[in-house]
Amino acid sequence: MIVVAGEALIDLVPDGKAPDGDPAGELPALLPRRGGGPYNTAVALGRLGAPAAFCSRVSTDGFGEALLAGLRAAGVDTSLVQRGPEPTTLAVADIGADGSAGYGFHAQGTADRLFELPGPLPGTARALCLGTCSLVLEPGASAYEALLRREAERGVFTLLDPNVRPGLIPDADAYRARFRSWLPYVSVLKLSAEDARWLGGSPEEWLAAGPAAVVVTHGGEGLAVHTRSGERIAVPAPRVTVADTIGAGDTVNAALLHRLAALPGALDGPARIGGPAWREALSFAARAAALTCTRAGAEPPYGAELSS
């Protein structure tokens, strides 16, 4: 089982046209979509056919019920989900001309921020994936951090995707220092080129701090892995018509974990994953992310769509 821990929220995504009765044509309607980086990763894993579980705290409001329904529809185990009466976090998406998305968050007093450290993960848990807002917003951030450290110390494969949201980070230097403190507990660090620039480090620096590999995504240019052995392996991104990029990076997380889990011993010894295996995993992830980009909102593909 692959456990994904972090926030589940609702993305409010512009539908690209003004609502009826708006003669100025400047106010497109906002459509609610299930979202949150970890949530999208869990759904993508389920759709790919991987045994997956989601570990979070979800509201008991209508949005929360819809989020749980989406997980169950994808075949994701929800037994590790905590519930609370506080409202669901809302993220208002601003879609650029190239399909890239920026976000404004309404997260004060929301349910996912009150996540508490759970008991030991199931014995079947082989990997843990964390990231995004869940490692920023307290008090839940400290609980997720404790989960990362505890599970890494007992030998669970860990993937960290910081998926930086600068608008949620009041002290950038403090966050960067905290990010560096996580690296000794990380098996694979995955981040975008934009995140890498914001964090102000390099793959070589991060590898020296702990991870066996660093995967960097470069949008339409593809993605690359840097390994502790000094290899750099890059693959191109398929050319597609982009609706938006929401959920593309989350799909990469899921596709990498799904592919690596299929390799005997890969999750037990990530430093031993060779170049051919990385190239195949990266190519699979690039294809999966490209399909996500052809759809509005975070709609990762199903395994059958990638079987050809």
Protein backbone atom coordinates (compact mmCIF):
# COMPACT_ATOMS: atom_id res chain seq x y z
CA MET A 1 0.00 0.00 0.00
CA ILE A 2 1.11 3.55 -0.78
CA VAL A 3 -0.09 6.08 1.80
CA VAL A 4 -0.58 9.70 0.75
CA ALA A 5 -0.80 12.21 3.59
CA GLY A 6 -1.88 15.83 3.29
CA GLU A 7 -4.72 18.18 2.54
CA ALA A 8 -7.94 17.65 0.61
CA LEU A 9 -9.63 20.84 -0.54
CA ILE A 10 -11.91 22.32 -3.16
CA ASP A 11 -10.43 24.14 -6.15
CA LEU A 12 -12.66 26.88 -7.54
CA VAL A 13 -11.75 26.85 -11.23
CA PRO A 14 -12.87 29.48 -13.80
CA ASP A 15 -15.00 27.90 -16.53
CA GLY A 16 -13.71 30.38 -19.08
CA LYS A 17 -16.92 32.25 -19.79
CA ALA A 18 -18.93 34.95 -18.07
CA PRO A 19 -22.14 33.95 -16.31
CA ASP A 20 -25.48 34.90 -17.83
CA GLY A 21 -26.39 38.50 -17.16
CA ASP A 22 -22.81 39.82 -17.01
CA PRO A 23 -22.60 42.14 -20.04
CA ALA A 24 -18.98 43.08 -19.33
CA GLY A 25 -17.92 39.45 -19.75
CA GLU A 26 -15.27 39.79 -17.05
CA LEU A 27 -16.49 37.44 -14.31
CA PRO A 28 -16.31 33.79 -15.27
CA ALA A 29 -18.16 31.37 -13.05
CA LEU A 30 -16.10 29.38 -10.57
CA LEU A 31 -16.67 25.65 -10.75
CA PRO A 32 -15.89 23.54 -7.65
CA ARG A 33 -13.40 20.72 -8.29
CA ARG A 34 -11.96 18.22 -5.85
CA GLY A 35 -8.32 19.07 -5.21
CA GLY A 36 -5.30 19.47 -3.01
CA GLY A 37 -1.91 18.11 -4.06
CA PRO A 38 -1.93 15.03 -1.79
CA TYR A 39 -5.60 14.36 -2.57
CA ASN A 40 -4.91 14.47 -6.31
CA THR A 41 -1.95 12.14 -5.85
CA ALA A 42 -4.08 9.61 -3.96
CA VAL A 43 -6.82 9.70 -6.60
CA ALA A 44 -4.23 9.31 -9.37
CA LEU A 45 -2.73 6.28 -7.62
CA GLY A 46 -6.15 4.69 -7.29
CA ARG A 47 -6.99 5.33 -10.93
CA LEU A 48 -3.68 3.80 -12.01
CA GLY A 49 -4.59 0.66 -10.09
CA ALA A 50 -2.15 1.01 -7.18
CA PRO A 51 -3.23 -0.01 -3.67
CA ALA A 52 -3.44 3.41 -2.00
CA ALA A 53 -4.68 4.99 1.23
CA PHE A 54 -5.30 8.63 2.11
CA CYS A 55 -4.28 10.03 5.51
CA SER A 56 -5.75 13.43 6.31
CA ARG A 57 -8.47 15.31 8.17
CA VAL A 58 -11.57 16.05 6.10
CA SER A 59 -14.59 18.20 6.95
CA THR A 60 -18.00 16.72 7.59
CA ASP A 61 -19.54 19.42 5.36
CA GLY A 62 -20.88 18.79 1.86
CA PHE A 63 -17.53 19.44 0.24
CA GLY A 64 -15.89 16.97 2.61
CA GLU A 65 -18.41 14.29 1.71
CA ALA A 66 -17.73 14.93 -1.98
CA LEU A 67 -13.99 14.61 -1.40
CA LEU A 68 -14.41 11.25 0.33
CA ALA A 69 -16.72 10.07 -2.46
CA GLY A 70 -14.01 10.91 -5.00
CA LEU A 71 -11.45 8.86 -3.10
CA ARG A 72 -13.76 5.87 -2.82
CA ALA A 73 -14.65 6.06 -6.51
CA ALA A 74 -10.94 5.79 -7.30
CA GLY A 75 -10.56 2.78 -5.01
CA VAL A 76 -8.56 4.62 -2.34
CA ASP A 77 -8.70 3.37 1.26
CA THR A 78 -10.13 6.11 3.52
CA SER A 79 -9.74 4.34 6.88
CA LEU A 80 -6.91 6.73 7.87
CA VAL A 81 -9.01 9.86 7.27
CA GLN A 82 -9.90 11.91 10.36
CA ARG A 83 -13.12 13.98 10.31
CA GLY A 84 -14.02 17.37 11.76
CA PRO A 85 -16.91 19.88 11.65
CA GLU A 86 -14.80 22.82 10.46
CA PRO A 87 -15.25 23.98 6.84
CA THR A 88 -13.30 22.65 3.88
CA THR A 89 -10.36 24.71 2.59
CA LEU A 90 -11.07 26.55 -0.68
CA ALA A 91 -8.43 27.36 -3.31
CA VAL A 92 -9.39 29.90 -5.98
CA ALA A 93 -7.49 29.09 -9.18
CA ASP A 94 -6.30 31.76 -11.63
CA ILE A 95 -5.53 30.13 -15.00
CA GLY A 96 -2.88 31.81 -17.13
CA ALA A 97 -2.83 31.98 -20.92
CA ASP A 98 -0.47 28.98 -21.03
CA GLY A 99 -2.72 26.89 -18.77
CA SER A 100 -0.60 27.35 -15.66
CA ALA A 101 -2.47 27.87 -12.40
CA GLY A 102 -1.97 30.26 -9.51
CA TYR A 103 -3.99 30.00 -6.29
CA GLY A 104 -5.51 32.11 -3.56
CA PHE A 105 -6.39 30.13 -0.43
CA HIS A 106 -9.20 30.42 2.11
CA ALA A 107 -7.79 28.21 4.85
CA GLN A 108 -8.41 29.96 8.16
CA GLY A 109 -9.94 27.56 10.69
CA THR A 110 -10.48 24.77 8.16
CA ALA A 111 -10.65 21.08 8.93
CA ASP A 112 -7.46 19.88 7.24
CA ARG A 113 -5.30 22.22 9.34
CA LEU A 114 -6.26 20.32 12.51
CA PHE A 115 -4.78 16.96 11.44
CA GLU A 116 -3.30 14.99 14.33
CA LEU A 117 -0.49 12.44 14.24
CA PRO A 118 -2.12 9.01 13.74
CA GLY A 119 -1.04 5.73 15.21
CA PRO A 120 1.35 3.47 13.28
CA LEU A 121 0.53 3.08 9.61
CA PRO A 122 -0.66 -0.37 8.48
CA GLY A 123 2.02 -3.01 8.13
CA THR A 124 1.24 -3.17 4.42
CA ALA A 125 2.37 0.45 3.93
CA ARG A 126 5.41 0.43 1.63
CA ALA A 127 5.62 4.12 0.82
CA LEU A 128 4.50 7.49 2.18
CA CYS A 129 4.00 10.61 0.05
CA LEU A 130 3.61 14.11 1.54
CA GLY A 131 3.70 17.74 0.51
CA THR A 132 2.02 21.03 -0.43
CA CYS A 133 -0.04 23.09 2.05
CA SER A 134 -0.12 20.34 4.65
CA LEU A 135 3.53 20.99 5.55
CA VAL A 136 2.96 24.74 5.91
CA LEU A 137 -0.30 25.32 7.80
CA GLU A 138 -0.10 24.73 11.54
CA PRO A 139 -0.90 22.95 13.73
CA GLY A 140 -1.31 20.14 11.20
CA ALA A 141 2.08 20.82 9.59
CA SER A 142 3.95 19.66 12.68
CA ALA A 143 1.87 16.48 12.80
CA TYR A 144 2.62 15.68 9.16
CA GLU A 145 6.30 16.41 9.77
CA ALA A 146 6.28 14.00 12.73
CA LEU A 147 4.63 11.38 10.52
CA LEU A 148 7.38 11.78 7.89
CA ARG A 149 10.15 11.40 10.44
CA ARG A 150 8.55 8.45 12.25
CA GLU A 151 7.82 6.43 9.14
CA ALA A 152 11.20 7.14 7.56
CA GLU A 153 12.94 5.97 10.72
CA ARG A 154 11.14 2.64 10.52
CA GLY A 155 12.24 2.13 6.91
CA VAL A 156 9.23 3.28 4.88
CA PHE A 157 10.04 4.74 1.44
CA THR A 158 9.18 8.46 1.46
CA LEU A 159 8.48 10.87 -1.39
CA LEU A 160 8.31 14.59 -0.66
CA ASP A 161 6.78 17.12 -3.05
CA PRO A 162 7.01 20.59 -1.44
CA ASN A 163 4.76 22.09 -4.18
CA VAL A 164 5.51 25.54 -2.80
CA ARG A 165 2.65 28.04 -2.37
CA PRO A 166 4.47 31.29 -1.46
CA GLY A 167 1.24 33.08 -0.54
CA LEU A 168 0.79 30.70 2.39
CA ILE A 169 4.35 31.08 3.72
CA PRO A 170 4.78 34.09 6.05
CA ASP A 171 8.53 33.55 6.60
CA ALA A 172 10.31 32.25 3.51
CA ASP A 173 13.69 31.78 5.20
CA ALA A 174 12.16 29.82 8.06
CA TYR A 175 10.33 27.58 5.61
CA ARG A 176 13.51 26.97 3.59
CA ALA A 177 15.34 25.96 6.75
CA ARG A 178 12.49 23.65 7.71
CA PHE A 179 12.50 22.13 4.23
CA ARG A 180 16.20 21.32 4.57
CA SER A 181 15.50 19.64 7.93
CA TRP A 182 13.14 17.18 6.19
CA LEU A 183 15.67 15.95 3.62
CA PRO A 184 17.43 13.34 5.81
CA TYR A 185 14.04 11.57 6.04
CA VAL A 186 13.26 11.67 2.31
CA SER A 187 13.92 8.81 -0.13
CA VAL A 188 12.98 10.75 -3.28
CA LEU A 189 12.51 14.52 -3.50
CA LYS A 190 10.27 15.62 -6.37
CA LEU A 191 9.75 19.28 -7.17
CA SER A 192 9.16 21.66 -10.04
CA ALA A 193 11.85 23.86 -11.55
CA GLU A 194 9.91 26.85 -10.15
CA ASP A 195 10.00 25.34 -6.66
CA ALA A 196 13.72 24.68 -7.01
CA ARG A 197 14.38 28.32 -7.86
CA TRP A 198 12.22 29.55 -4.98
CA LEU A 199 13.89 27.22 -2.48
CA GLY A 200 17.29 28.43 -3.64
CA GLY A 201 19.14 25.12 -3.70
CA SER A 202 20.33 22.58 -6.23
CA PRO A 203 19.82 18.83 -6.76
CA GLU A 204 23.42 18.23 -5.72
CA GLU A 205 22.92 20.04 -2.40
CA TRP A 206 19.69 18.22 -1.69
CA LEU A 207 21.16 14.81 -2.56
CA ALA A 208 24.00 15.43 -0.12
CA ALA A 209 21.41 16.03 2.62
CA GLY A 210 19.73 12.63 2.31
CA PRO A 211 17.51 11.73 -0.68
CA ALA A 212 18.61 8.95 -3.02
CA ALA A 213 17.19 10.86 -5.98
CA VAL A 214 15.79 14.27 -6.90
CA VAL A 215 13.18 14.49 -9.66
CA VAL A 216 12.68 17.94 -11.22
CA THR A 217 9.75 18.70 -13.51
CA HIS A 218 10.17 21.30 -16.27
CA GLY A 219 6.59 21.71 -17.50
CA GLY A 220 6.32 21.23 -21.23
CA GLU A 221 10.03 20.46 -21.47
CA GLY A 222 9.71 17.19 -19.55
CA LEU A 223 11.33 15.97 -16.34
CA ALA A 224 14.67 14.72 -15.10
CA VAL A 225 16.08 12.72 -12.23
CA HIS A 226 19.38 13.42 -10.47
CA THR A 227 20.73 10.45 -8.52
CA ARG A 228 23.23 10.12 -5.72
CA SER A 229 25.52 8.18 -8.05
CA GLY A 230 25.87 11.28 -10.24
CA GLU A 231 23.50 10.33 -13.06
CA ARG A 232 21.11 12.77 -14.69
CA ILE A 233 18.40 11.18 -16.81
CA ALA A 234 15.88 13.35 -18.66
CA VAL A 235 12.79 12.55 -20.73
CA PRO A 236 10.69 14.89 -22.88
CA ALA A 237 7.03 15.71 -22.30
CA PRO A 238 4.51 14.57 -24.92
CA ARG A 239 3.06 17.44 -26.93
CA VAL A 240 -0.61 17.95 -26.08
CA THR A 241 -3.24 20.67 -26.17
CA VAL A 242 -3.24 22.03 -22.63
CA ALA A 243 -6.53 22.83 -20.90
CA ASP A 244 -4.70 23.67 -17.66
CA THR A 245 -1.87 22.23 -15.57
CA ILE A 246 -3.87 21.61 -12.39
CA GLY A 247 -2.89 18.24 -10.92
CA ALA A 248 -0.07 17.55 -13.40
CA GLY A 249 2.66 17.49 -10.75
CA ASP A 250 0.49 15.40 -8.45
CA THR A 251 0.01 12.90 -11.28
CA VAL A 252 3.80 12.71 -11.64
CA ASN A 253 4.06 11.76 -7.94
CA ALA A 254 1.51 8.98 -8.35
CA ALA A 255 2.92 7.65 -11.61
CA LEU A 256 6.46 7.50 -10.24
CA LEU A 257 5.38 5.70 -7.08
CA HIS A 258 3.17 3.30 -9.04
CA ARG A 259 5.97 2.41 -11.46
CA LEU A 260 8.70 2.15 -8.83
CA ALA A 261 6.51 -0.05 -6.62
CA ALA A 262 6.34 -2.55 -9.48
CA LEU A 263 10.14 -2.94 -9.50
CA PRO A 264 11.36 -5.66 -7.10
CA GLY A 265 13.19 -4.05 -4.21
CA ALA A 266 12.95 -0.47 -5.52
CA LEU A 267 11.04 0.86 -2.52
CA ASP A 268 13.36 -1.01 -0.16
CA GLY A 269 16.56 0.37 -1.70
CA PRO A 270 15.93 3.51 -3.78
CA ALA A 271 19.66 4.19 -4.09
CA ARG A 272 19.93 0.99 -6.14
CA ILE A 273 17.40 2.03 -8.80
CA GLY A 274 19.29 2.04 -12.09
CA GLY A 275 19.19 4.34 -15.09
CA PRO A 276 16.92 2.18 -17.30
CA ALA A 277 14.36 1.86 -14.51
CA TRP A 278 14.38 5.60 -13.89
CA ARG A 279 13.99 6.34 -17.61
CA GLU A 280 10.97 4.04 -17.85
CA ALA A 281 9.38 5.50 -14.72
CA LEU A 282 9.96 9.08 -15.87
CA SER A 283 8.52 8.37 -19.32
CA PHE A 284 5.41 6.82 -17.76
CA ALA A 285 5.02 9.82 -15.45
CA ALA A 286 5.42 12.26 -18.35
CA ARG A 287 2.69 10.53 -20.33
CA ALA A 288 0.34 10.45 -17.35
CA ALA A 289 0.89 14.14 -16.55
CA ALA A 290 0.37 15.12 -20.19
CA LEU A 291 -3.04 13.46 -20.18
CA THR A 292 -3.97 15.32 -17.00
CA CYS A 293 -3.09 18.61 -18.70
CA THR A 294 -5.61 17.97 -21.50
CA ARG A 295 -8.48 18.11 -18.98
CA ALA A 296 -9.85 21.00 -16.96
CA GLY A 297 -9.14 20.66 -13.26
CA ALA A 298 -7.28 17.78 -11.62
CA GLU A 299 -8.46 14.75 -13.60
CA PRO A 300 -5.62 12.20 -13.65
CA PRO A 301 -5.81 9.30 -16.11
CA TYR A 302 -6.80 5.70 -15.49
CA GLY A 303 -4.35 2.88 -16.00
CA ALA A 304 -6.13 1.67 -19.13
CA GLU A 305 -5.49 5.03 -20.81
CA LEU A 306 -1.73 4.50 -20.47
CA SER A 307 -1.58 0.82 -21.38
CA SER A 308 -0.99 1.37 -25.10
